[in-house]
């Protein structure tokens, strides 16, 4: 009985050792030449963005999505049904080239247009 238990323990230790080696290789692969961690290429649901990152806020992201034709933010978005996902890696690449938000659009004053139409 002791031999079977010893063999079982050795097999489990080998399995754990392989998992640790796999984790170490993944960590090494996730670093670039400067030693900084690269952003993960994961898709994050829009409402959950701030669970992973403090900036930008959900409202700012919605604004970027709304103005995607002007600011090029469309490359960061993946839609699945009604769900909107942000590609984290593409977002950080986009931030490097587009650090500012889209230009403000002109607002139409509804009161002035309706008053001038009635006169």
PDB file of N, CA and C in Angstrom:
ATOM      1  N   UNK A   1       0.818  -1.196   0.000  1.00  0.00           N
ATOM      2  CA  UNK A   1       0.000   0.000   0.000  1.00  0.00           C
ATOM      3  C   UNK A   1       0.861   1.260   0.000  1.00  0.00           C
ATOM      4  N   UNK A   2       1.975   1.252   0.741  1.00  0.00           N
ATOM      5  CA  UNK A   2       2.842   2.414   0.803  1.00  0.00           C
ATOM      6  C   UNK A   2       3.455   2.729  -0.543  1.00  0.00           C
ATOM      7  N   UNK A   3       3.769   1.694  -1.335  1.00  0.00           N
ATOM      8  CA  UNK A   3       4.382   1.909  -2.644  1.00  0.00           C
ATOM      9  C   UNK A   3       3.398   2.621  -3.565  1.00  0.00           C
ATOM     10  N   UNK A   4       2.143   2.214  -3.579  1.00  0.00           N
ATOM     11  CA  UNK A   4       1.134   2.854  -4.412  1.00  0.00           C
ATOM     12  C   UNK A   4       0.916   4.309  -3.989  1.00  0.00           C
ATOM     13  N   UNK A   5       0.902   4.545  -2.696  1.00  0.00           N
ATOM     14  CA  UNK A   5       0.720   5.897  -2.196  1.00  0.00           C
ATOM     15  C   UNK A   5       1.922   6.769  -2.563  1.00  0.00           C
ATOM     16  N   UNK A   6       3.123   6.197  -2.458  1.00  0.00           N
ATOM     17  CA  UNK A   6       4.331   6.931  -2.819  1.00  0.00           C
ATOM     18  C   UNK A   6       4.329   7.257  -4.310  1.00  0.00           C
ATOM     19  N   UNK A   7       3.950   6.316  -5.142  1.00  0.00           N
ATOM     20  CA  UNK A   7       3.873   6.550  -6.586  1.00  0.00           C
ATOM     21  C   UNK A   7       2.841   7.619  -6.907  1.00  0.00           C
ATOM     22  N   UNK A   8       1.720   7.587  -6.221  1.00  0.00           N
ATOM     23  CA  UNK A   8       0.681   8.587  -6.432  1.00  0.00           C
ATOM     24  C   UNK A   8       1.181   9.984  -6.060  1.00  0.00           C
ATOM     25  N   UNK A   9       1.875  10.076  -4.930  1.00  0.00           N
ATOM     26  CA  UNK A   9       2.427  11.365  -4.492  1.00  0.00           C
ATOM     27  C   UNK A   9       3.464  11.863  -5.487  1.00  0.00           C
ATOM     28  N   UNK A  10       4.326  10.983  -5.981  1.00  0.00           N
ATOM     29  CA  UNK A  10       5.338  11.375  -6.960  1.00  0.00           C
ATOM     30  C   UNK A  10       4.700  11.851  -8.266  1.00  0.00           C
ATOM     31  N   UNK A  11       3.646  11.174  -8.691  1.00  0.00           N
ATOM     32  CA  UNK A  11       2.950  11.597  -9.907  1.00  0.00           C
ATOM     33  C   UNK A  11       2.340  12.987  -9.723  1.00  0.00           C
ATOM     34  N   UNK A  12       1.743  13.224  -8.568  1.00  0.00           N
ATOM     35  CA  UNK A  12       1.148  14.537  -8.302  1.00  0.00           C
ATOM     36  C   UNK A  12       2.227  15.623  -8.262  1.00  0.00           C
ATOM     37  N   UNK A  13       3.373  15.319  -7.655  1.00  0.00           N
ATOM     38  CA  UNK A  13       4.457  16.294  -7.607  1.00  0.00           C
ATOM     39  C   UNK A  13       4.979  16.615  -9.002  1.00  0.00           C
ATOM     40  N   UNK A  14       5.071  15.620  -9.865  1.00  0.00           N
ATOM     41  CA  UNK A  14       5.496  15.861 -11.241  1.00  0.00           C
ATOM     42  C   UNK A  14       4.487  16.756 -11.959  1.00  0.00           C
ATOM     43  N   UNK A  15       3.197  16.479 -11.717  1.00  0.00           N
ATOM     44  CA  UNK A  15       2.139  17.278 -12.334  1.00  0.00           C
ATOM     45  C   UNK A  15       2.216  18.730 -11.852  1.00  0.00           C
ATOM     46  N   UNK A  16       2.416  18.943 -10.570  1.00  0.00           N
ATOM     47  CA  UNK A  16       2.545  20.293 -10.014  1.00  0.00           C
ATOM     48  C   UNK A  16       3.784  20.974 -10.580  1.00  0.00           C
ATOM     49  N   UNK A  17       4.881  20.249 -10.692  1.00  0.00           N
ATOM     50  CA  UNK A  17       6.117  20.794 -11.240  1.00  0.00           C
ATOM     51  C   UNK A  17       5.904  21.240 -12.687  1.00  0.00           C
ATOM     52  N   UNK A  18       5.183  20.450 -13.477  1.00  0.00           N
ATOM     53  CA  UNK A  18       4.905  20.836 -14.855  1.00  0.00           C
ATOM     54  C   UNK A  18       4.056  22.095 -14.899  1.00  0.00           C
ATOM     55  N   UNK A  19       3.070  22.192 -14.012  1.00  0.00           N
ATOM     56  CA  UNK A  19       2.229  23.391 -13.990  1.00  0.00           C
ATOM     57  C   UNK A  19       3.037  24.623 -13.615  1.00  0.00           C
ATOM     58  N   UNK A  20       3.946  24.489 -12.672  1.00  0.00           N
ATOM     59  CA  UNK A  20       4.792  25.616 -12.270  1.00  0.00           C
ATOM     60  C   UNK A  20       5.696  26.024 -13.422  1.00  0.00           C
ATOM     61  N   UNK A  21       6.263  25.059 -14.116  1.00  0.00           N
ATOM     62  CA  UNK A  21       7.125  25.375 -15.255  1.00  0.00           C
ATOM     63  C   UNK A  21       6.326  26.069 -16.368  1.00  0.00           C
ATOM     64  N   UNK A  22       5.087  25.632 -16.575  1.00  0.00           N
ATOM     65  CA  UNK A  22       4.232  26.275 -17.571  1.00  0.00           C
ATOM     66  C   UNK A  22       3.956  27.719 -17.177  1.00  0.00           C
ATOM     67  N   UNK A  23       3.660  27.957 -15.910  1.00  0.00           N
ATOM     68  CA  UNK A  23       3.411  29.318 -15.432  1.00  0.00           C
ATOM     69  C   UNK A  23       4.641  30.205 -15.597  1.00  0.00           C
ATOM     70  N   UNK A  24       5.799  29.670 -15.284  1.00  0.00           N
ATOM     71  CA  UNK A  24       7.040  30.443 -15.422  1.00  0.00           C
ATOM     72  C   UNK A  24       7.268  30.814 -16.883  1.00  0.00           C
ATOM     73  N   UNK A  25       7.044  29.889 -17.791  1.00  0.00           N
ATOM     74  CA  UNK A  25       7.245  30.200 -19.213  1.00  0.00           C
ATOM     75  C   UNK A  25       6.225  31.223 -19.698  1.00  0.00           C
ATOM     76  N   UNK A  26       4.987  31.158 -19.197  1.00  0.00           N
ATOM     77  CA  UNK A  26       3.989  32.154 -19.583  1.00  0.00           C
ATOM     78  C   UNK A  26       4.377  33.541 -19.075  1.00  0.00           C
ATOM     79  N   UNK A  27       4.897  33.611 -17.869  1.00  0.00           N
ATOM     80  CA  UNK A  27       5.322  34.901 -17.319  1.00  0.00           C
ATOM     81  C   UNK A  27       6.475  35.466 -18.126  1.00  0.00           C
ATOM     82  N   UNK A  28       7.426  34.630 -18.493  1.00  0.00           N
ATOM     83  CA  UNK A  28       8.554  35.091 -19.297  1.00  0.00           C
ATOM     84  C   UNK A  28       8.090  35.579 -20.659  1.00  0.00           C
ATOM     85  N   UNK A  29       7.120  34.870 -21.258  1.00  0.00           N
ATOM     86  CA  UNK A  29       6.612  35.254 -22.572  1.00  0.00           C
ATOM     87  C   UNK A  29       5.816  36.548 -22.525  1.00  0.00           C
ATOM     88  N   UNK A  30       5.229  36.883 -21.370  1.00  0.00           N
ATOM     89  CA  UNK A  30       4.392  38.075 -21.285  1.00  0.00           C
ATOM     90  C   UNK A  30       5.191  39.348 -21.055  1.00  0.00           C
ATOM     91  N   UNK A  31       6.515  39.259 -21.014  1.00  0.00           N
ATOM     92  CA  UNK A  31       7.350  40.443 -20.825  1.00  0.00           C
ATOM     93  C   UNK A  31       8.070  40.764 -22.125  1.00  0.00           C
ATOM     94  N   UNK A  32       8.186  42.053 -22.404  1.00  0.00           N
ATOM     95  CA  UNK A  32       8.915  42.440 -23.600  1.00  0.00           C
ATOM     96  C   UNK A  32      10.391  42.618 -23.278  1.00  0.00           C
ATOM     97  N   UNK A  33      11.161  43.134 -24.221  1.00  0.00           N
ATOM     98  CA  UNK A  33      12.605  43.215 -24.042  1.00  0.00           C
ATOM     99  C   UNK A  33      13.008  44.174 -22.927  1.00  0.00           C
ATOM    100  N   UNK A  34      12.151  45.135 -22.587  1.00  0.00           N
ATOM    101  CA  UNK A  34      12.481  46.074 -21.510  1.00  0.00           C
ATOM    102  C   UNK A  34      12.081  45.538 -20.147  1.00  0.00           C
ATOM    103  N   UNK A  35      11.447  44.389 -20.107  1.00  0.00           N
ATOM    104  CA  UNK A  35      11.048  43.793 -18.837  1.00  0.00           C
ATOM    105  C   UNK A  35       9.683  44.250 -18.361  1.00  0.00           C
ATOM    106  N   UNK A  36       9.012  45.125 -19.124  1.00  0.00           N
ATOM    107  CA  UNK A  36       7.685  45.571 -18.739  1.00  0.00           C
ATOM    108  C   UNK A  36       6.648  44.589 -19.245  1.00  0.00           C
ATOM    109  N   UNK A  37       5.595  44.408 -18.461  1.00  0.00           N
ATOM    110  CA  UNK A  37       4.527  43.510 -18.876  1.00  0.00           C
ATOM    111  C   UNK A  37       3.756  44.108 -20.039  1.00  0.00           C
ATOM    112  N   UNK A  38       3.429  43.265 -20.988  1.00  0.00           N
ATOM    113  CA  UNK A  38       2.623  43.699 -22.120  1.00  0.00           C
ATOM    114  C   UNK A  38       1.150  43.632 -21.734  1.00  0.00           C
ATOM    115  N   UNK A  39       0.296  44.510 -22.278  1.00  0.00           N
ATOM    116  CA  UNK A  39      -1.125  44.427 -21.973  1.00  0.00           C
ATOM    117  C   UNK A  39      -1.707  43.150 -22.560  1.00  0.00           C
ATOM    118  N   UNK A  40      -2.619  42.569 -21.829  1.00  0.00           N
ATOM    119  CA  UNK A  40      -3.232  41.324 -22.280  1.00  0.00           C
ATOM    120  C   UNK A  40      -4.177  41.614 -23.439  1.00  0.00           C
ATOM    121  N   UNK A  41      -4.255  40.703 -24.372  1.00  0.00           N
ATOM    122  CA  UNK A  41      -5.203  40.830 -25.469  1.00  0.00           C
ATOM    123  C   UNK A  41      -6.481  40.120 -25.078  1.00  0.00           C
ATOM    124  N   UNK A  42      -7.195  40.731 -24.154  1.00  0.00           N
ATOM    125  CA  UNK A  42      -8.451  40.144 -23.716  1.00  0.00           C
ATOM    126  C   UNK A  42      -9.577  41.107 -24.046  1.00  0.00           C
ATOM    127  N   UNK A  43     -10.761  40.545 -24.139  1.00  0.00           N
ATOM    128  CA  UNK A  43     -11.940  41.345 -24.384  1.00  0.00           C
ATOM    129  C   UNK A  43     -12.629  41.603 -23.055  1.00  0.00           C
ATOM    130  N   UNK A  44     -12.883  42.870 -22.760  1.00  0.00           N
ATOM    131  CA  UNK A  44     -13.522  43.258 -21.506  1.00  0.00           C
ATOM    132  C   UNK A  44     -14.857  43.884 -21.842  1.00  0.00           C
ATOM    133  N   UNK A  45     -15.915  43.401 -21.187  1.00  0.00           N
ATOM    134  CA  UNK A  45     -17.230  44.001 -21.391  1.00  0.00           C
ATOM    135  C   UNK A  45     -17.185  45.454 -20.960  1.00  0.00           C
ATOM    136  N   UNK A  46     -17.860  46.302 -21.707  1.00  0.00           N
ATOM    137  CA  UNK A  46     -17.831  47.734 -21.441  1.00  0.00           C
ATOM    138  C   UNK A  46     -18.182  48.073 -19.992  1.00  0.00           C
ATOM    139  N   UNK A  47     -19.269  47.538 -19.412  1.00  0.00           N
ATOM    140  CA  UNK A  47     -19.596  47.915 -18.032  1.00  0.00           C
ATOM    141  C   UNK A  47     -18.574  47.427 -17.000  1.00  0.00           C
ATOM    142  N   UNK A  48     -17.736  46.470 -17.358  1.00  0.00           N
ATOM    143  CA  UNK A  48     -16.760  45.919 -16.422  1.00  0.00           C
ATOM    144  C   UNK A  48     -15.362  46.497 -16.604  1.00  0.00           C
ATOM    145  N   UNK A  49     -15.217  47.479 -17.497  1.00  0.00           N
ATOM    146  CA  UNK A  49     -13.900  48.037 -17.791  1.00  0.00           C
ATOM    147  C   UNK A  49     -13.205  48.545 -16.531  1.00  0.00           C
ATOM    148  N   UNK A  50     -13.927  49.270 -15.681  1.00  0.00           N
ATOM    149  CA  UNK A  50     -13.314  49.858 -14.490  1.00  0.00           C
ATOM    150  C   UNK A  50     -12.980  48.834 -13.414  1.00  0.00           C
ATOM    151  N   UNK A  51     -13.387  47.589 -13.576  1.00  0.00           N
ATOM    152  CA  UNK A  51     -12.925  46.523 -12.685  1.00  0.00           C
ATOM    153  C   UNK A  51     -11.457  46.204 -12.962  1.00  0.00           C
ATOM    154  N   UNK A  52     -11.008  46.503 -14.182  1.00  0.00           N
ATOM    155  CA  UNK A  52      -9.642  46.208 -14.598  1.00  0.00           C
ATOM    156  C   UNK A  52      -8.756  47.453 -14.684  1.00  0.00           C
ATOM    157  N   UNK A  53      -9.358  48.586 -15.046  1.00  0.00           N
ATOM    158  CA  UNK A  53      -8.590  49.813 -15.254  1.00  0.00           C
ATOM    159  C   UNK A  53      -9.342  51.002 -14.681  1.00  0.00           C
ATOM    160  N   UNK A  54      -8.603  51.944 -14.086  1.00  0.00           N
ATOM    161  CA  UNK A  54      -9.217  53.139 -13.527  1.00  0.00           C
ATOM    162  C   UNK A  54      -9.590  54.142 -14.612  1.00  0.00           C
ATOM    163  N   UNK A  55      -8.794  54.212 -15.660  1.00  0.00           N
ATOM    164  CA  UNK A  55      -9.015  55.173 -16.724  1.00  0.00           C
ATOM    165  C   UNK A  55      -9.207  54.443 -18.033  1.00  0.00           C
ATOM    166  N   UNK A  56     -10.046  54.895 -18.888  1.00  0.00           N
ATOM    167  CA  UNK A  56     -11.041  55.946 -18.759  1.00  0.00           C
ATOM    168  C   UNK A  56     -12.304  55.422 -18.091  1.00  0.00           C
ATOM    169  N   UNK A  57     -13.172  56.337 -17.712  1.00  0.00           N
ATOM    170  CA  UNK A  57     -14.434  55.946 -17.093  1.00  0.00           C
ATOM    171  C   UNK A  57     -15.353  55.331 -18.151  1.00  0.00           C
ATOM    172  N   UNK A  58     -16.405  54.691 -17.687  1.00  0.00           N
ATOM    173  CA  UNK A  58     -17.363  54.077 -18.610  1.00  0.00           C
ATOM    174  C   UNK A  58     -17.994  55.149 -19.498  1.00  0.00           C
ATOM    175  N   UNK A  59     -18.303  56.296 -18.901  1.00  0.00           N
ATOM    176  CA  UNK A  59     -18.882  57.388 -19.684  1.00  0.00           C
ATOM    177  C   UNK A  59     -17.943  57.864 -20.785  1.00  0.00           C
ATOM    178  N   UNK A  60     -16.663  57.961 -20.475  1.00  0.00           N
ATOM    179  CA  UNK A  60     -15.680  58.364 -21.485  1.00  0.00           C
ATOM    180  C   UNK A  60     -15.581  57.325 -22.595  1.00  0.00           C
ATOM    181  N   UNK A  61     -15.627  56.048 -22.217  1.00  0.00           N
ATOM    182  CA  UNK A  61     -15.587  54.987 -23.226  1.00  0.00           C
ATOM    183  C   UNK A  61     -16.815  55.053 -24.133  1.00  0.00           C
ATOM    184  N   UNK A  62     -17.973  55.301 -23.531  1.00  0.00           N
ATOM    185  CA  UNK A  62     -19.194  55.425 -24.341  1.00  0.00           C
ATOM    186  C   UNK A  62     -19.066  56.597 -25.320  1.00  0.00           C
ATOM    187  N   UNK A  63     -18.465  57.690 -24.861  1.00  0.00           N
ATOM    188  CA  UNK A  63     -18.239  58.836 -25.733  1.00  0.00           C
ATOM    189  C   UNK A  63     -17.289  58.466 -26.873  1.00  0.00           C
ATOM    190  N   UNK A  64     -16.238  57.729 -26.560  1.00  0.00           N
ATOM    191  CA  UNK A  64     -15.290  57.300 -27.602  1.00  0.00           C
ATOM    192  C   UNK A  64     -15.982  56.391 -28.618  1.00  0.00           C
ATOM    193  N   UNK A  65     -16.860  55.515 -28.117  1.00  0.00           N
ATOM    194  CA  UNK A  65     -17.586  54.613 -29.012  1.00  0.00           C
ATOM    195  C   UNK A  65     -18.541  55.409 -29.898  1.00  0.00           C
ATOM    196  N   UNK A  66     -19.232  56.377 -29.309  1.00  0.00           N
ATOM    197  CA  UNK A  66     -20.172  57.196 -30.070  1.00  0.00           C
ATOM    198  C   UNK A  66     -19.456  57.973 -31.176  1.00  0.00           C
ATOM    199  N   UNK A  67     -18.262  58.443 -30.899  1.00  0.00           N
ATOM    200  CA  UNK A  67     -17.481  59.230 -31.867  1.00  0.00           C
ATOM    201  C   UNK A  67     -16.453  58.393 -32.618  1.00  0.00           C
ATOM    202  N   UNK A  68     -16.645  57.106 -32.700  1.00  0.00           N
ATOM    203  CA  UNK A  68     -15.642  56.197 -33.279  1.00  0.00           C
ATOM    204  C   UNK A  68     -15.327  56.513 -34.734  1.00  0.00           C
ATOM    205  N   UNK A  69     -16.262  57.104 -35.471  1.00  0.00           N
ATOM    206  CA  UNK A  69     -15.996  57.431 -36.865  1.00  0.00           C
ATOM    207  C   UNK A  69     -15.016  58.596 -36.993  1.00  0.00           C
ATOM    208  N   UNK A  70     -14.981  59.443 -35.958  1.00  0.00           N
ATOM    209  CA  UNK A  70     -14.087  60.602 -35.984  1.00  0.00           C
ATOM    210  C   UNK A  70     -12.729  60.308 -35.352  1.00  0.00           C
ATOM    211  N   UNK A  71     -12.723  59.417 -34.341  1.00  0.00           N
ATOM    212  CA  UNK A  71     -11.489  59.197 -33.584  1.00  0.00           C
ATOM    213  C   UNK A  71     -10.811  57.856 -33.874  1.00  0.00           C
ATOM    214  N   UNK A  72     -11.421  57.001 -34.696  1.00  0.00           N
ATOM    215  CA  UNK A  72     -10.819  55.713 -35.034  1.00  0.00           C
ATOM    216  C   UNK A  72     -10.940  54.660 -33.953  1.00  0.00           C
ATOM    217  N   UNK A  73     -11.793  54.897 -32.963  1.00  0.00           N
ATOM    218  CA  UNK A  73     -11.922  53.968 -31.835  1.00  0.00           C
ATOM    219  C   UNK A  73     -12.598  52.652 -32.231  1.00  0.00           C
ATOM    220  N   UNK A  74     -13.171  52.595 -33.412  1.00  0.00           N
ATOM    221  CA  UNK A  74     -13.859  51.385 -33.865  1.00  0.00           C
ATOM    222  C   UNK A  74     -12.981  50.146 -33.889  1.00  0.00           C
ATOM    223  N   UNK A  75     -11.663  50.323 -34.013  1.00  0.00           N
ATOM    224  CA  UNK A  75     -10.773  49.154 -34.051  1.00  0.00           C
ATOM    225  C   UNK A  75     -10.698  48.465 -32.697  1.00  0.00           C
ATOM    226  N   UNK A  76     -11.097  49.149 -31.625  1.00  0.00           N
ATOM    227  CA  UNK A  76     -11.016  48.604 -30.269  1.00  0.00           C
ATOM    228  C   UNK A  76     -12.285  47.878 -29.848  1.00  0.00           C
ATOM    229  N   UNK A  77     -13.326  47.968 -30.647  1.00  0.00           N
ATOM    230  CA  UNK A  77     -14.647  47.480 -30.254  1.00  0.00           C
ATOM    231  C   UNK A  77     -14.961  46.147 -30.922  1.00  0.00           C
ATOM    232  N   UNK A  78     -15.539  45.256 -30.154  1.00  0.00           N
ATOM    233  CA  UNK A  78     -16.101  44.011 -30.674  1.00  0.00           C
ATOM    234  C   UNK A  78     -17.533  43.937 -30.159  1.00  0.00           C
ATOM    235  N   UNK A  79     -18.476  43.727 -31.055  1.00  0.00           N
ATOM    236  CA  UNK A  79     -19.877  43.612 -30.658  1.00  0.00           C
ATOM    237  C   UNK A  79     -20.313  42.160 -30.795  1.00  0.00           C
ATOM    238  N   UNK A  80     -20.992  41.673 -29.748  1.00  0.00           N
ATOM    239  CA  UNK A  80     -21.596  40.348 -29.776  1.00  0.00           C
ATOM    240  C   UNK A  80     -23.029  40.545 -29.315  1.00  0.00           C
ATOM    241  N   UNK A  81     -23.950  40.550 -30.261  1.00  0.00           N
ATOM    242  CA  UNK A  81     -25.334  40.859 -29.935  1.00  0.00           C
ATOM    243  C   UNK A  81     -25.417  42.282 -29.421  1.00  0.00           C
ATOM    244  N   UNK A  82     -26.007  42.461 -28.239  1.00  0.00           N
ATOM    245  CA  UNK A  82     -26.103  43.794 -27.636  1.00  0.00           C
ATOM    246  C   UNK A  82     -24.874  44.137 -26.799  1.00  0.00           C
ATOM    247  N   UNK A  83     -24.022  43.167 -26.557  1.00  0.00           N
ATOM    248  CA  UNK A  83     -22.843  43.380 -25.710  1.00  0.00           C
ATOM    249  C   UNK A  83     -21.727  44.063 -26.493  1.00  0.00           C
ATOM    250  N   UNK A  84     -21.076  45.008 -25.828  1.00  0.00           N
ATOM    251  CA  UNK A  84     -19.930  45.699 -26.410  1.00  0.00           C
ATOM    252  C   UNK A  84     -18.700  45.312 -25.610  1.00  0.00           C
ATOM    253  N   UNK A  85     -17.677  44.823 -26.296  1.00  0.00           N
ATOM    254  CA  UNK A  85     -16.426  44.440 -25.663  1.00  0.00           C
ATOM    255  C   UNK A  85     -15.322  45.381 -26.144  1.00  0.00           C
ATOM    256  N   UNK A  86     -14.397  45.677 -25.254  1.00  0.00           N
ATOM    257  CA  UNK A  86     -13.225  46.479 -25.605  1.00  0.00           C
ATOM    258  C   UNK A  86     -12.026  45.538 -25.663  1.00  0.00           C
ATOM    259  N   UNK A  87     -11.320  45.529 -26.790  1.00  0.00           N
ATOM    260  CA  UNK A  87     -10.096  44.751 -26.923  1.00  0.00           C
ATOM    261  C   UNK A  87      -8.997  45.529 -26.206  1.00  0.00           C
ATOM    262  N   UNK A  88      -8.531  44.982 -25.101  1.00  0.00           N
ATOM    263  CA  UNK A  88      -7.596  45.687 -24.228  1.00  0.00           C
ATOM    264  C   UNK A  88      -6.287  46.047 -24.930  1.00  0.00           C
ATOM    265  N   UNK A  89      -5.711  45.120 -25.655  1.00  0.00           N
ATOM    266  CA  UNK A  89      -4.452  45.376 -26.352  1.00  0.00           C
ATOM    267  C   UNK A  89      -4.601  46.450 -27.416  1.00  0.00           C
ATOM    268  N   UNK A  90      -5.697  46.371 -28.201  1.00  0.00           N
ATOM    269  CA  UNK A  90      -5.921  47.376 -29.238  1.00  0.00           C
ATOM    270  C   UNK A  90      -6.230  48.736 -28.623  1.00  0.00           C
ATOM    271  N   UNK A  91      -6.892  48.739 -27.454  1.00  0.00           N
ATOM    272  CA  UNK A  91      -7.179  50.004 -26.789  1.00  0.00           C
ATOM    273  C   UNK A  91      -5.885  50.726 -26.438  1.00  0.00           C
ATOM    274  N   UNK A  92      -4.913  50.017 -25.858  1.00  0.00           N
ATOM    275  CA  UNK A  92      -3.665  50.664 -25.468  1.00  0.00           C
ATOM    276  C   UNK A  92      -2.844  51.092 -26.678  1.00  0.00           C
ATOM    277  N   UNK A  93      -2.914  50.340 -27.770  1.00  0.00           N
ATOM    278  CA  UNK A  93      -2.259  50.770 -28.999  1.00  0.00           C
ATOM    279  C   UNK A  93      -2.928  52.037 -29.534  1.00  0.00           C
ATOM    280  N   UNK A  94      -4.261  52.071 -29.479  1.00  0.00           N
ATOM    281  CA  UNK A  94      -5.001  53.243 -29.933  1.00  0.00           C
ATOM    282  C   UNK A  94      -4.656  54.464 -29.072  1.00  0.00           C
ATOM    283  N   UNK A  95      -4.511  54.265 -27.761  1.00  0.00           N
ATOM    284  CA  UNK A  95      -4.190  55.367 -26.855  1.00  0.00           C
ATOM    285  C   UNK A  95      -2.830  55.976 -27.181  1.00  0.00           C
ATOM    286  N   UNK A  96      -1.885  55.177 -27.652  1.00  0.00           N
ATOM    287  CA  UNK A  96      -0.565  55.700 -28.003  1.00  0.00           C
ATOM    288  C   UNK A  96      -0.646  56.673 -29.177  1.00  0.00           C
ATOM    289  N   UNK A  97      -1.540  56.396 -30.111  1.00  0.00           N
ATOM    290  CA  UNK A  97      -1.631  57.238 -31.302  1.00  0.00           C
ATOM    291  C   UNK A  97      -2.726  58.296 -31.215  1.00  0.00           C
ATOM    292  N   UNK A  98      -3.700  58.122 -30.307  1.00  0.00           N
ATOM    293  CA  UNK A  98      -4.829  59.047 -30.188  1.00  0.00           C
ATOM    294  C   UNK A  98      -5.067  59.425 -28.735  1.00  0.00           C
ATOM    295  N   UNK A  99      -4.218  60.225 -28.158  1.00  0.00           N
ATOM    296  CA  UNK A  99      -4.361  60.514 -26.730  1.00  0.00           C
ATOM    297  C   UNK A  99      -5.509  61.456 -26.383  1.00  0.00           C
ATOM    298  N   UNK A 100      -6.097  62.131 -27.386  1.00  0.00           N
ATOM    299  CA  UNK A 100      -7.179  63.060 -27.101  1.00  0.00           C
ATOM    300  C   UNK A 100      -8.503  62.507 -27.594  1.00  0.00           C
ATOM    301  N   UNK A 101      -9.575  63.041 -27.042  1.00  0.00           N
ATOM    302  CA  UNK A 101     -10.901  62.620 -27.471  1.00  0.00           C
ATOM    303  C   UNK A 101     -11.270  63.314 -28.777  1.00  0.00           C
ATOM    304  N   UNK A 102     -12.363  62.884 -29.357  1.00  0.00           N
ATOM    305  CA  UNK A 102     -12.828  63.471 -30.618  1.00  0.00           C
ATOM    306  C   UNK A 102     -13.213  64.930 -30.408  1.00  0.00           C
ATOM    307  N   UNK A 103     -13.106  65.745 -31.473  1.00  0.00           N
ATOM    308  CA  UNK A 103     -13.493  67.155 -31.343  1.00  0.00           C
ATOM    309  C   UNK A 103     -14.982  67.272 -31.040  1.00  0.00           C
ATOM    310  N   UNK A 104     -15.346  68.333 -30.316  1.00  0.00           N
ATOM    311  CA  UNK A 104     -16.744  68.535 -29.965  1.00  0.00           C
ATOM    312  C   UNK A 104     -17.532  68.932 -31.207  1.00  0.00           C
ATOM    313  N   UNK A 105     -18.752  68.431 -31.267  1.00  0.00           N
ATOM    314  CA  UNK A 105     -19.636  68.770 -32.377  1.00  0.00           C
ATOM    315  C   UNK A 105     -20.406  70.037 -32.027  1.00  0.00           C
ATOM    316  N   UNK A 106     -20.866  70.723 -33.062  1.00  0.00           N
ATOM    317  CA  UNK A 106     -21.696  71.892 -32.823  1.00  0.00           C
ATOM    318  C   UNK A 106     -23.054  71.445 -32.331  1.00  0.00           C
ATOM    319  N   UNK A 107     -23.557  72.149 -31.328  1.00  0.00           N
ATOM    320  CA  UNK A 107     -24.882  71.832 -30.817  1.00  0.00           C
ATOM    321  C   UNK A 107     -25.888  72.777 -31.449  1.00  0.00           C
ATOM    322  N   UNK A 108     -27.023  72.224 -31.772  1.00  0.00           N
ATOM    323  CA  UNK A 108     -28.088  73.029 -32.340  1.00  0.00           C
ATOM    324  C   UNK A 108     -28.993  73.463 -31.208  1.00  0.00           C
ATOM    325  N   UNK A 109     -29.224  74.758 -31.109  1.00  0.00           N
ATOM    326  CA  UNK A 109     -30.107  75.285 -30.087  1.00  0.00           C
ATOM    327  C   UNK A 109     -31.544  75.123 -30.576  1.00  0.00           C
ATOM    328  N   UNK A 110     -32.299  74.209 -29.971  1.00  0.00           N
ATOM    329  CA  UNK A 110     -33.649  73.899 -30.414  1.00  0.00           C
ATOM    330  C   UNK A 110     -34.588  75.092 -30.242  1.00  0.00           C
ATOM    331  N   UNK A 111     -34.391  75.854 -29.174  1.00  0.00           N
ATOM    332  CA  UNK A 111     -35.290  76.994 -28.929  1.00  0.00           C
ATOM    333  C   UNK A 111     -35.156  78.039 -30.028  1.00  0.00           C
ATOM    334  N   UNK A 112     -33.935  78.335 -30.419  1.00  0.00           N
ATOM    335  CA  UNK A 112     -33.745  79.367 -31.423  1.00  0.00           C
ATOM    336  C   UNK A 112     -34.267  78.922 -32.787  1.00  0.00           C
ATOM    337  N   UNK A 113     -34.167  77.636 -33.118  1.00  0.00           N
ATOM    338  CA  UNK A 113     -34.667  77.170 -34.405  1.00  0.00           C
ATOM    339  C   UNK A 113     -36.175  77.130 -34.430  1.00  0.00           C
ATOM    340  N   UNK A 114     -36.805  76.763 -33.318  1.00  0.00           N
ATOM    341  CA  UNK A 114     -38.269  76.710 -33.285  1.00  0.00           C
ATOM    342  C   UNK A 114     -38.859  78.105 -33.250  1.00  0.00           C
ATOM    343  N   UNK A 115     -38.211  79.077 -32.584  1.00  0.00           N
ATOM    344  CA  UNK A 115     -38.714  80.448 -32.534  1.00  0.00           C
ATOM    345  C   UNK A 115     -38.590  81.113 -33.895  1.00  0.00           C
ATOM    346  N   UNK A 116     -37.481  80.874 -34.581  1.00  0.00           N
ATOM    347  CA  UNK A 116     -37.308  81.500 -35.886  1.00  0.00           C
ATOM    348  C   UNK A 116     -38.252  80.906 -36.908  1.00  0.00           C
ATOM    349  N   UNK A 117     -38.636  79.645 -36.737  1.00  0.00           N
ATOM    350  CA  UNK A 117     -39.553  79.007 -37.663  1.00  0.00           C
ATOM    351  C   UNK A 117     -40.967  79.541 -37.464  1.00  0.00           C
ATOM    352  N   UNK A 118     -41.324  79.903 -36.219  1.00  0.00           N
ATOM    353  CA  UNK A 118     -42.670  80.388 -35.930  1.00  0.00           C
ATOM    354  C   UNK A 118     -42.851  81.838 -36.301  1.00  0.00           C
ATOM    355  N   UNK A 119     -41.820  82.609 -36.480  1.00  0.00           N
ATOM    356  CA  UNK A 119     -41.935  84.038 -36.787  1.00  0.00           C
ATOM    357  C   UNK A 119     -42.227  84.314 -38.201  1.00  0.00           C
TER     358      UNK A 119
END
